[in-house]
């Protein structure tokens, strides 16, 4: 997907004006933690976030042999009786590029996004490089002056409680700015 073309043709042409909404919080697989769930629930309840979305998906094989594509899964959330969650397909995953495409697709719903991840590696084709080399230049072009993405990354040794508390503090005191911002906690 050409991300700049997507923003210009899919969003700007159909939703030409800035939308005053709280940001969407998009959670990467590695940031899928109960402390984050609690923080996001608090932010949504207090109208500081619009909704939570997952940045990753998983292909699963169901008990009847069919396949299902699941977007995220939060451990500890009870499922309806008899619900077939299936089992993950070994070796199947989505690329970091697809994760970022899933994040950017949320600009269809809101002009401000917060992306949570623990993936701070600077590997070729990885999240950090894609964000800085592809997304930042697009979002910082002055011709849009409306879309903002805050990548709030968890440093490996940071405690989940601290990361979740910082998320709540940042979302309570600040707004997501136009353009791109990358912070590591």
N, C-alpha and C. Protein backbone atom coordinates (compact mmCIF):
# COMPACT_ATOMS: atom_id res chain seq x y z
N UNK A 1 0.85 -1.18 0.00
CA UNK A 1 0.00 0.00 0.00
C UNK A 1 0.89 1.24 0.00
N UNK A 2 0.61 2.16 -0.87
CA UNK A 2 1.27 3.45 -0.89
C UNK A 2 0.56 4.32 0.15
N UNK A 3 1.22 4.55 1.28
CA UNK A 3 0.58 5.22 2.41
C UNK A 3 0.20 6.66 2.09
N UNK A 4 1.06 7.38 1.40
CA UNK A 4 0.73 8.76 1.06
C UNK A 4 -0.48 8.82 0.13
N UNK A 5 -0.52 7.92 -0.84
CA UNK A 5 -1.66 7.86 -1.76
C UNK A 5 -2.94 7.51 -0.99
N UNK A 6 -2.82 6.58 -0.04
CA UNK A 6 -3.97 6.20 0.79
C UNK A 6 -4.52 7.41 1.55
N UNK A 7 -3.62 8.18 2.17
CA UNK A 7 -4.06 9.36 2.92
C UNK A 7 -4.70 10.37 1.99
N UNK A 8 -4.06 10.64 0.85
CA UNK A 8 -4.58 11.66 -0.07
C UNK A 8 -5.88 11.24 -0.74
N UNK A 9 -5.94 10.01 -1.23
CA UNK A 9 -7.10 9.59 -2.02
C UNK A 9 -8.22 8.99 -1.20
N UNK A 10 -7.89 8.22 -0.18
CA UNK A 10 -8.94 7.55 0.59
C UNK A 10 -9.48 8.40 1.72
N UNK A 11 -8.63 9.21 2.30
CA UNK A 11 -9.10 10.00 3.45
C UNK A 11 -9.40 11.44 3.05
N UNK A 12 -8.43 12.14 2.51
CA UNK A 12 -8.61 13.56 2.22
C UNK A 12 -9.75 13.82 1.23
N UNK A 13 -9.92 12.94 0.25
CA UNK A 13 -10.98 13.17 -0.73
C UNK A 13 -12.37 12.90 -0.17
N UNK A 14 -12.49 12.04 0.83
CA UNK A 14 -13.80 11.71 1.39
C UNK A 14 -14.08 12.41 2.71
N UNK A 15 -13.05 12.74 3.44
CA UNK A 15 -13.19 13.40 4.74
C UNK A 15 -12.25 14.59 4.74
N UNK A 16 -12.61 15.65 4.02
CA UNK A 16 -11.67 16.75 3.80
C UNK A 16 -11.41 17.66 5.00
N UNK A 17 -12.24 17.59 6.05
CA UNK A 17 -12.07 18.51 7.17
C UNK A 17 -11.60 17.78 8.42
N UNK A 18 -10.86 18.50 9.25
CA UNK A 18 -10.37 17.98 10.52
C UNK A 18 -11.55 17.54 11.38
N UNK A 19 -11.38 16.39 12.03
CA UNK A 19 -12.40 15.89 12.95
C UNK A 19 -11.90 16.03 14.38
N UNK A 20 -12.67 16.72 15.19
CA UNK A 20 -12.30 16.95 16.59
C UNK A 20 -12.76 15.76 17.43
N UNK A 21 -11.92 14.74 17.51
CA UNK A 21 -12.23 13.57 18.32
C UNK A 21 -11.01 13.23 19.17
N UNK A 22 -11.26 12.45 20.20
CA UNK A 22 -10.14 11.92 20.98
C UNK A 22 -9.37 10.95 20.09
N UNK A 23 -8.11 10.72 20.39
CA UNK A 23 -7.32 9.81 19.56
C UNK A 23 -7.75 8.35 19.72
N UNK A 24 -7.46 7.57 18.70
CA UNK A 24 -7.61 6.12 18.76
C UNK A 24 -6.30 5.56 19.30
N UNK A 25 -6.38 4.59 20.19
CA UNK A 25 -5.18 3.93 20.68
C UNK A 25 -5.07 2.59 19.98
N UNK A 26 -3.94 2.37 19.33
CA UNK A 26 -3.70 1.13 18.59
C UNK A 26 -2.59 0.37 19.30
N UNK A 27 -2.87 -0.89 19.61
CA UNK A 27 -1.97 -1.70 20.43
C UNK A 27 -1.31 -2.79 19.60
N UNK A 28 0.02 -2.81 19.63
CA UNK A 28 0.79 -3.86 18.98
C UNK A 28 0.76 -5.11 19.87
N UNK A 29 1.01 -6.25 19.27
CA UNK A 29 0.96 -7.53 19.97
C UNK A 29 1.84 -7.54 21.23
N UNK A 30 3.02 -6.99 21.13
CA UNK A 30 3.96 -7.02 22.25
C UNK A 30 3.56 -6.07 23.39
N UNK A 31 2.59 -5.20 23.17
CA UNK A 31 2.10 -4.29 24.20
C UNK A 31 0.73 -4.72 24.72
N UNK A 32 0.34 -5.92 24.40
CA UNK A 32 -0.95 -6.47 24.81
C UNK A 32 -0.82 -7.02 26.23
N UNK A 33 -1.13 -6.18 27.22
CA UNK A 33 -0.91 -6.52 28.63
C UNK A 33 -2.10 -6.03 29.46
N UNK A 34 -2.45 -6.73 30.55
CA UNK A 34 -3.58 -6.31 31.38
C UNK A 34 -3.47 -4.88 31.92
N UNK A 35 -2.26 -4.42 32.24
CA UNK A 35 -2.09 -3.04 32.73
C UNK A 35 -2.45 -2.03 31.64
N UNK A 36 -2.12 -2.36 30.41
CA UNK A 36 -2.46 -1.49 29.28
C UNK A 36 -3.97 -1.50 29.07
N UNK A 37 -4.58 -2.67 29.17
CA UNK A 37 -6.04 -2.77 29.05
C UNK A 37 -6.73 -1.85 30.05
N UNK A 38 -6.29 -1.90 31.32
CA UNK A 38 -6.90 -1.07 32.36
C UNK A 38 -6.72 0.42 32.05
N UNK A 39 -5.53 0.79 31.62
CA UNK A 39 -5.26 2.20 31.31
C UNK A 39 -6.13 2.68 30.15
N UNK A 40 -6.27 1.86 29.13
CA UNK A 40 -7.09 2.26 27.97
C UNK A 40 -8.56 2.34 28.36
N UNK A 41 -9.03 1.42 29.17
CA UNK A 41 -10.43 1.49 29.63
C UNK A 41 -10.67 2.80 30.38
N UNK A 42 -9.73 3.19 31.23
CA UNK A 42 -9.82 4.46 31.95
C UNK A 42 -9.88 5.63 30.97
N UNK A 43 -9.00 5.63 29.97
CA UNK A 43 -8.93 6.73 29.01
C UNK A 43 -10.21 6.83 28.18
N UNK A 44 -10.76 5.70 27.77
CA UNK A 44 -12.01 5.71 27.00
C UNK A 44 -13.16 6.20 27.88
N UNK A 45 -13.25 5.69 29.10
CA UNK A 45 -14.32 6.09 30.03
C UNK A 45 -14.30 7.59 30.28
N UNK A 46 -13.09 8.17 30.33
CA UNK A 46 -12.95 9.60 30.59
C UNK A 46 -12.86 10.44 29.31
N UNK A 47 -13.21 9.82 28.19
CA UNK A 47 -13.26 10.48 26.89
C UNK A 47 -11.91 11.08 26.45
N UNK A 48 -10.83 10.47 26.90
CA UNK A 48 -9.49 10.89 26.51
C UNK A 48 -8.96 10.05 25.35
N UNK A 49 -9.67 8.97 25.06
CA UNK A 49 -9.40 8.11 23.90
C UNK A 49 -10.74 7.71 23.31
N UNK A 50 -10.77 7.58 22.00
CA UNK A 50 -12.00 7.23 21.31
C UNK A 50 -12.30 5.74 21.40
N UNK A 51 -11.28 4.92 21.11
CA UNK A 51 -11.45 3.48 21.04
C UNK A 51 -10.08 2.81 21.05
N UNK A 52 -10.07 1.53 21.34
CA UNK A 52 -8.84 0.72 21.26
C UNK A 52 -8.95 -0.14 20.02
N UNK A 53 -7.85 -0.23 19.28
CA UNK A 53 -7.78 -1.11 18.12
C UNK A 53 -6.50 -1.93 18.21
N UNK A 54 -6.48 -3.05 17.53
CA UNK A 54 -5.30 -3.91 17.50
C UNK A 54 -4.52 -3.62 16.22
N UNK A 55 -3.20 -3.67 16.32
CA UNK A 55 -2.35 -3.42 15.15
C UNK A 55 -1.92 -4.71 14.48
N UNK A 56 -2.22 -5.83 15.09
CA UNK A 56 -1.73 -7.11 14.60
C UNK A 56 -2.90 -8.08 14.43
N UNK A 57 -2.64 -9.11 13.69
CA UNK A 57 -3.66 -10.14 13.50
C UNK A 57 -3.00 -11.50 13.49
N UNK A 58 -3.83 -12.51 13.55
CA UNK A 58 -3.32 -13.87 13.67
C UNK A 58 -4.23 -14.82 12.90
N UNK A 59 -3.63 -15.72 12.15
CA UNK A 59 -4.38 -16.76 11.44
C UNK A 59 -4.48 -17.96 12.37
N UNK A 60 -5.72 -18.46 12.57
CA UNK A 60 -5.95 -19.56 13.50
C UNK A 60 -6.75 -20.66 12.81
N UNK A 61 -6.48 -21.90 13.19
CA UNK A 61 -7.22 -23.05 12.67
C UNK A 61 -8.27 -23.44 13.69
N UNK A 62 -9.51 -23.51 13.23
CA UNK A 62 -10.63 -23.83 14.11
C UNK A 62 -10.76 -25.35 14.26
N UNK A 63 -11.52 -25.79 15.25
CA UNK A 63 -11.65 -27.23 15.52
C UNK A 63 -12.31 -27.98 14.36
N UNK A 64 -13.08 -27.30 13.52
CA UNK A 64 -13.73 -27.97 12.38
C UNK A 64 -12.85 -27.97 11.13
N UNK A 65 -11.60 -27.47 11.26
CA UNK A 65 -10.66 -27.48 10.14
C UNK A 65 -10.66 -26.20 9.32
N UNK A 66 -11.60 -25.29 9.56
CA UNK A 66 -11.62 -24.02 8.84
C UNK A 66 -10.61 -23.07 9.48
N UNK A 67 -10.39 -21.94 8.82
CA UNK A 67 -9.44 -20.96 9.30
C UNK A 67 -10.15 -19.66 9.60
N UNK A 68 -9.63 -18.94 10.57
CA UNK A 68 -10.18 -17.64 10.93
C UNK A 68 -9.01 -16.67 11.11
N UNK A 69 -9.26 -15.43 10.78
CA UNK A 69 -8.26 -14.37 10.90
C UNK A 69 -8.70 -13.49 12.06
N UNK A 70 -7.97 -13.52 13.18
CA UNK A 70 -8.33 -12.74 14.37
C UNK A 70 -7.45 -11.51 14.49
N UNK A 71 -8.07 -10.39 14.83
CA UNK A 71 -7.32 -9.18 15.13
C UNK A 71 -7.15 -9.09 16.63
N UNK A 72 -5.93 -9.38 17.08
CA UNK A 72 -5.62 -9.29 18.50
C UNK A 72 -6.40 -10.27 19.34
N UNK A 73 -5.96 -10.46 20.54
CA UNK A 73 -6.68 -11.25 21.53
C UNK A 73 -6.12 -10.88 22.89
N UNK A 74 -6.98 -10.49 23.78
CA UNK A 74 -6.56 -10.12 25.12
C UNK A 74 -6.75 -11.29 26.07
N UNK A 75 -5.66 -11.73 26.64
CA UNK A 75 -5.71 -12.84 27.58
C UNK A 75 -6.56 -12.47 28.78
N UNK A 76 -7.21 -13.46 29.35
CA UNK A 76 -7.97 -13.24 30.57
C UNK A 76 -9.38 -12.74 30.35
N UNK A 77 -9.74 -12.44 29.13
CA UNK A 77 -11.11 -12.01 28.86
C UNK A 77 -11.94 -13.26 28.58
N UNK A 78 -12.98 -13.49 29.38
CA UNK A 78 -13.77 -14.71 29.18
C UNK A 78 -14.48 -14.71 27.83
N UNK A 79 -14.49 -15.88 27.22
CA UNK A 79 -15.18 -16.04 25.94
C UNK A 79 -16.52 -16.74 26.18
N UNK A 80 -17.47 -16.55 25.29
CA UNK A 80 -18.76 -17.21 25.45
C UNK A 80 -18.57 -18.74 25.47
N UNK A 81 -19.44 -19.41 26.20
CA UNK A 81 -19.37 -20.86 26.29
C UNK A 81 -19.44 -21.48 24.89
N UNK A 82 -18.54 -22.41 24.63
CA UNK A 82 -18.51 -23.10 23.35
C UNK A 82 -17.82 -22.33 22.23
N UNK A 83 -17.29 -21.14 22.55
CA UNK A 83 -16.62 -20.33 21.53
C UNK A 83 -15.33 -21.01 21.10
N UNK A 84 -15.15 -21.17 19.82
CA UNK A 84 -13.96 -21.83 19.27
C UNK A 84 -12.95 -20.78 18.87
N UNK A 85 -11.93 -20.60 19.68
CA UNK A 85 -10.88 -19.63 19.38
C UNK A 85 -9.86 -20.21 18.40
N UNK A 86 -9.83 -21.53 18.29
CA UNK A 86 -8.88 -22.17 17.41
C UNK A 86 -7.47 -22.09 17.95
N UNK A 87 -6.51 -22.55 17.15
CA UNK A 87 -5.10 -22.50 17.55
C UNK A 87 -4.32 -21.72 16.49
N UNK A 88 -3.29 -20.97 16.92
CA UNK A 88 -2.50 -20.20 15.96
C UNK A 88 -1.79 -21.12 14.97
N UNK A 89 -1.66 -20.65 13.75
CA UNK A 89 -0.91 -21.37 12.72
C UNK A 89 0.57 -21.06 12.93
N UNK A 90 1.36 -22.08 13.21
CA UNK A 90 2.79 -21.88 13.46
C UNK A 90 3.47 -21.30 12.22
N UNK A 91 4.31 -20.30 12.46
CA UNK A 91 5.08 -19.70 11.38
C UNK A 91 4.35 -18.60 10.61
N UNK A 92 3.05 -18.41 10.87
CA UNK A 92 2.31 -17.37 10.15
C UNK A 92 2.35 -16.09 10.99
N UNK A 93 2.69 -15.01 10.36
CA UNK A 93 2.66 -13.72 11.04
C UNK A 93 2.52 -12.61 10.00
N UNK A 94 2.19 -11.43 10.49
CA UNK A 94 2.15 -10.29 9.58
C UNK A 94 3.45 -9.52 9.76
N UNK A 95 3.85 -8.84 8.72
CA UNK A 95 5.11 -8.09 8.75
C UNK A 95 4.94 -6.78 9.52
N UNK A 96 6.06 -6.19 9.89
CA UNK A 96 6.02 -4.88 10.54
C UNK A 96 5.39 -3.84 9.61
N UNK A 97 5.61 -3.98 8.33
CA UNK A 97 5.00 -3.06 7.35
C UNK A 97 3.47 -3.16 7.43
N UNK A 98 2.95 -4.39 7.54
CA UNK A 98 1.50 -4.57 7.65
C UNK A 98 0.97 -4.01 8.97
N UNK A 99 1.76 -4.16 10.04
CA UNK A 99 1.35 -3.58 11.32
C UNK A 99 1.18 -2.07 11.16
N UNK A 100 2.15 -1.41 10.54
CA UNK A 100 2.08 0.05 10.35
C UNK A 100 0.91 0.41 9.42
N UNK A 101 0.67 -0.37 8.40
CA UNK A 101 -0.47 -0.12 7.53
C UNK A 101 -1.78 -0.21 8.32
N UNK A 102 -1.86 -1.18 9.23
CA UNK A 102 -3.06 -1.29 10.08
C UNK A 102 -3.20 -0.05 10.97
N UNK A 103 -2.09 0.46 11.46
CA UNK A 103 -2.12 1.67 12.28
C UNK A 103 -2.64 2.84 11.45
N UNK A 104 -2.02 3.07 10.31
CA UNK A 104 -2.36 4.22 9.45
C UNK A 104 -3.80 4.15 8.95
N UNK A 105 -4.31 2.95 8.73
CA UNK A 105 -5.71 2.80 8.27
C UNK A 105 -6.69 3.43 9.25
N UNK A 106 -6.30 3.59 10.50
CA UNK A 106 -7.18 4.19 11.50
C UNK A 106 -7.39 5.69 11.30
N UNK A 107 -6.60 6.31 10.41
CA UNK A 107 -6.86 7.70 10.07
C UNK A 107 -8.21 7.86 9.37
N UNK A 108 -8.79 6.78 8.92
CA UNK A 108 -10.15 6.84 8.34
C UNK A 108 -11.14 7.26 9.41
N UNK A 109 -10.89 6.86 10.66
CA UNK A 109 -11.82 7.11 11.75
C UNK A 109 -11.48 8.36 12.56
N UNK A 110 -10.20 8.63 12.74
CA UNK A 110 -9.80 9.78 13.57
C UNK A 110 -8.52 10.39 13.00
N UNK A 111 -8.31 11.66 13.30
CA UNK A 111 -7.12 12.38 12.80
C UNK A 111 -5.92 12.26 13.72
N UNK A 112 -6.14 11.74 14.93
CA UNK A 112 -5.04 11.58 15.88
C UNK A 112 -5.00 10.12 16.34
N UNK A 113 -3.78 9.56 16.35
CA UNK A 113 -3.58 8.16 16.73
C UNK A 113 -2.45 8.06 17.75
N UNK A 114 -2.57 7.07 18.63
CA UNK A 114 -1.51 6.72 19.57
C UNK A 114 -1.21 5.25 19.35
N UNK A 115 0.04 4.94 19.05
CA UNK A 115 0.47 3.57 18.78
C UNK A 115 1.34 3.09 19.93
N UNK A 116 0.96 1.97 20.54
CA UNK A 116 1.70 1.40 21.66
C UNK A 116 2.42 0.14 21.21
N UNK A 117 3.71 0.07 21.49
CA UNK A 117 4.50 -1.10 21.13
C UNK A 117 5.72 -1.19 22.02
N UNK A 118 6.27 -2.38 22.10
CA UNK A 118 7.51 -2.60 22.82
C UNK A 118 8.66 -2.83 21.83
N UNK A 119 8.35 -2.79 20.56
CA UNK A 119 9.33 -3.07 19.51
C UNK A 119 10.10 -1.79 19.18
N UNK A 120 11.27 -1.64 19.79
CA UNK A 120 12.09 -0.45 19.55
C UNK A 120 13.37 -0.77 18.78
N UNK A 121 13.48 -1.98 18.28
CA UNK A 121 14.66 -2.35 17.50
C UNK A 121 14.75 -1.46 16.26
N UNK A 122 15.96 -1.22 15.81
CA UNK A 122 16.17 -0.37 14.65
C UNK A 122 16.57 -1.21 13.44
N UNK A 123 15.94 -2.38 13.29
CA UNK A 123 16.30 -3.29 12.20
C UNK A 123 15.71 -2.83 10.87
N UNK A 124 16.37 -3.23 9.79
CA UNK A 124 15.90 -2.89 8.44
C UNK A 124 14.52 -3.50 8.25
N UNK A 125 13.57 -2.71 7.79
CA UNK A 125 12.21 -3.18 7.57
C UNK A 125 11.40 -3.30 8.84
N UNK A 126 11.97 -2.86 9.98
CA UNK A 126 11.29 -2.95 11.26
C UNK A 126 10.42 -1.74 11.55
N UNK A 127 9.64 -1.83 12.60
CA UNK A 127 8.69 -0.77 12.96
C UNK A 127 9.35 0.61 13.07
N UNK A 128 10.43 0.69 13.82
CA UNK A 128 11.06 1.99 14.04
C UNK A 128 11.52 2.62 12.73
N UNK A 129 12.15 1.83 11.88
CA UNK A 129 12.62 2.37 10.58
C UNK A 129 11.45 2.79 9.71
N UNK A 130 10.41 1.98 9.66
CA UNK A 130 9.23 2.33 8.84
C UNK A 130 8.62 3.62 9.34
N UNK A 131 8.49 3.74 10.67
CA UNK A 131 7.91 4.95 11.23
C UNK A 131 8.73 6.19 10.87
N UNK A 132 10.04 6.11 11.03
CA UNK A 132 10.89 7.28 10.77
C UNK A 132 11.14 7.54 9.29
N UNK A 133 11.29 6.49 8.50
CA UNK A 133 11.66 6.68 7.09
C UNK A 133 10.45 6.86 6.17
N UNK A 134 9.30 6.30 6.54
CA UNK A 134 8.14 6.39 5.65
C UNK A 134 7.00 7.23 6.22
N UNK A 135 6.67 7.02 7.47
CA UNK A 135 5.50 7.68 8.05
C UNK A 135 5.79 9.12 8.45
N UNK A 136 6.89 9.35 9.15
CA UNK A 136 7.21 10.71 9.59
C UNK A 136 7.23 11.71 8.43
N UNK A 137 7.91 11.43 7.31
CA UNK A 137 7.91 12.42 6.22
C UNK A 137 6.51 12.71 5.66
N UNK A 138 5.67 11.71 5.59
CA UNK A 138 4.32 11.91 5.07
C UNK A 138 3.51 12.78 6.03
N UNK A 139 3.57 12.46 7.33
CA UNK A 139 2.75 13.19 8.30
C UNK A 139 3.26 14.60 8.54
N UNK A 140 4.51 14.86 8.27
CA UNK A 140 5.05 16.19 8.52
C UNK A 140 4.99 17.11 7.31
N UNK A 141 4.43 16.62 6.21
CA UNK A 141 4.23 17.50 5.06
C UNK A 141 3.20 18.56 5.44
N UNK A 142 3.50 19.77 5.12
CA UNK A 142 2.64 20.88 5.55
C UNK A 142 1.30 20.92 4.81
N UNK A 143 1.15 20.18 3.72
CA UNK A 143 -0.11 20.28 2.97
C UNK A 143 -1.28 19.61 3.68
N UNK A 144 -1.03 18.74 4.65
CA UNK A 144 -2.14 18.11 5.37
C UNK A 144 -2.49 18.91 6.63
N UNK A 145 -1.50 19.14 7.46
CA UNK A 145 -1.66 19.92 8.68
C UNK A 145 -2.84 19.45 9.54
N UNK A 146 -3.05 18.12 9.59
CA UNK A 146 -4.15 17.64 10.42
C UNK A 146 -3.90 16.29 11.06
N UNK A 147 -3.12 15.42 10.47
CA UNK A 147 -2.95 14.07 11.00
C UNK A 147 -1.79 14.02 11.99
N UNK A 148 -2.00 13.32 13.10
CA UNK A 148 -0.96 13.18 14.11
C UNK A 148 -0.85 11.76 14.61
N UNK A 149 0.38 11.29 14.76
CA UNK A 149 0.64 9.96 15.28
C UNK A 149 1.70 10.06 16.37
N UNK A 150 1.34 9.58 17.56
CA UNK A 150 2.27 9.48 18.67
C UNK A 150 2.59 8.00 18.85
N UNK A 151 3.85 7.63 18.62
CA UNK A 151 4.31 6.26 18.88
C UNK A 151 4.90 6.26 20.28
N UNK A 152 4.21 5.59 21.19
CA UNK A 152 4.63 5.54 22.59
C UNK A 152 5.17 4.15 22.86
N UNK A 153 6.50 4.05 22.87
CA UNK A 153 7.17 2.76 22.92
C UNK A 153 7.61 2.42 24.34
N UNK A 154 7.48 1.14 24.68
CA UNK A 154 7.92 0.66 25.99
C UNK A 154 9.33 0.11 25.88
N UNK A 155 10.23 0.64 26.70
CA UNK A 155 11.58 0.11 26.77
C UNK A 155 11.50 -1.24 27.48
N UNK A 156 12.30 -2.19 27.03
CA UNK A 156 12.22 -3.56 27.53
C UNK A 156 12.12 -3.74 29.03
N UNK A 157 12.91 -3.01 29.82
CA UNK A 157 12.93 -3.20 31.27
C UNK A 157 11.92 -2.34 32.01
N UNK A 158 11.25 -1.47 31.32
CA UNK A 158 10.24 -0.64 31.97
C UNK A 158 9.11 -1.54 32.47
N UNK A 159 8.69 -1.32 33.69
CA UNK A 159 7.59 -2.09 34.27
C UNK A 159 6.28 -1.70 33.58
N UNK A 160 5.43 -2.69 33.37
CA UNK A 160 4.15 -2.45 32.70
C UNK A 160 3.30 -1.43 33.46
N UNK A 161 3.35 -1.47 34.78
CA UNK A 161 2.57 -0.52 35.58
C UNK A 161 3.02 0.92 35.30
N UNK A 162 4.33 1.11 35.18
CA UNK A 162 4.88 2.45 34.90
C UNK A 162 4.49 2.92 33.49
N UNK A 163 4.62 2.02 32.52
CA UNK A 163 4.26 2.34 31.12
C UNK A 163 2.78 2.73 31.03
N UNK A 164 1.92 1.95 31.68
CA UNK A 164 0.47 2.23 31.66
C UNK A 164 0.18 3.56 32.36
N UNK A 165 0.85 3.82 33.49
CA UNK A 165 0.65 5.08 34.21
C UNK A 165 1.09 6.27 33.36
N UNK A 166 2.22 6.14 32.67
CA UNK A 166 2.70 7.21 31.79
C UNK A 166 1.73 7.46 30.64
N UNK A 167 1.16 6.38 30.09
CA UNK A 167 0.15 6.53 29.03
C UNK A 167 -1.01 7.38 29.53
N UNK A 168 -1.50 7.08 30.72
CA UNK A 168 -2.62 7.84 31.28
C UNK A 168 -2.24 9.30 31.52
N UNK A 169 -1.05 9.53 32.03
CA UNK A 169 -0.59 10.91 32.29
C UNK A 169 -0.47 11.69 30.98
N UNK A 170 0.18 11.10 30.01
CA UNK A 170 0.37 11.78 28.72
C UNK A 170 -0.97 12.09 28.07
N UNK A 171 -1.87 11.13 28.04
CA UNK A 171 -3.17 11.32 27.40
C UNK A 171 -4.05 12.30 28.18
N UNK A 172 -3.82 12.43 29.48
CA UNK A 172 -4.61 13.34 30.30
C UNK A 172 -4.14 14.79 30.18
N UNK A 173 -2.84 14.98 29.96
CA UNK A 173 -2.27 16.32 29.99
C UNK A 173 -1.92 16.90 28.63
N UNK A 174 -1.83 16.06 27.61
CA UNK A 174 -1.36 16.52 26.30
C UNK A 174 -2.34 16.10 25.21
N UNK A 175 -2.21 16.74 24.07
CA UNK A 175 -2.93 16.29 22.88
C UNK A 175 -1.90 15.74 21.90
N UNK A 176 -2.34 14.85 21.05
CA UNK A 176 -1.46 14.34 20.00
C UNK A 176 -1.27 15.47 19.00
N UNK A 177 -0.04 15.81 18.74
CA UNK A 177 0.26 16.93 17.85
C UNK A 177 0.19 16.50 16.38
N UNK A 178 -0.01 17.46 15.51
CA UNK A 178 0.06 17.20 14.07
C UNK A 178 1.46 16.72 13.75
N UNK A 179 1.56 15.71 12.89
CA UNK A 179 2.86 15.18 12.51
C UNK A 179 3.14 13.87 13.21
N UNK A 180 4.40 13.65 13.51
CA UNK A 180 4.83 12.38 14.08
C UNK A 180 5.71 12.61 15.31
N UNK A 181 5.46 11.86 16.35
CA UNK A 181 6.29 11.92 17.54
C UNK A 181 6.56 10.51 18.02
N UNK A 182 7.79 10.25 18.43
CA UNK A 182 8.24 8.94 18.89
C UNK A 182 8.81 9.10 20.29
N UNK A 183 8.22 8.43 21.26
CA UNK A 183 8.71 8.52 22.64
C UNK A 183 8.94 7.11 23.17
N UNK A 184 10.00 6.96 23.94
CA UNK A 184 10.30 5.69 24.60
C UNK A 184 10.20 5.90 26.09
N UNK A 185 9.45 5.01 26.73
CA UNK A 185 9.25 5.08 28.19
C UNK A 185 9.93 3.89 28.82
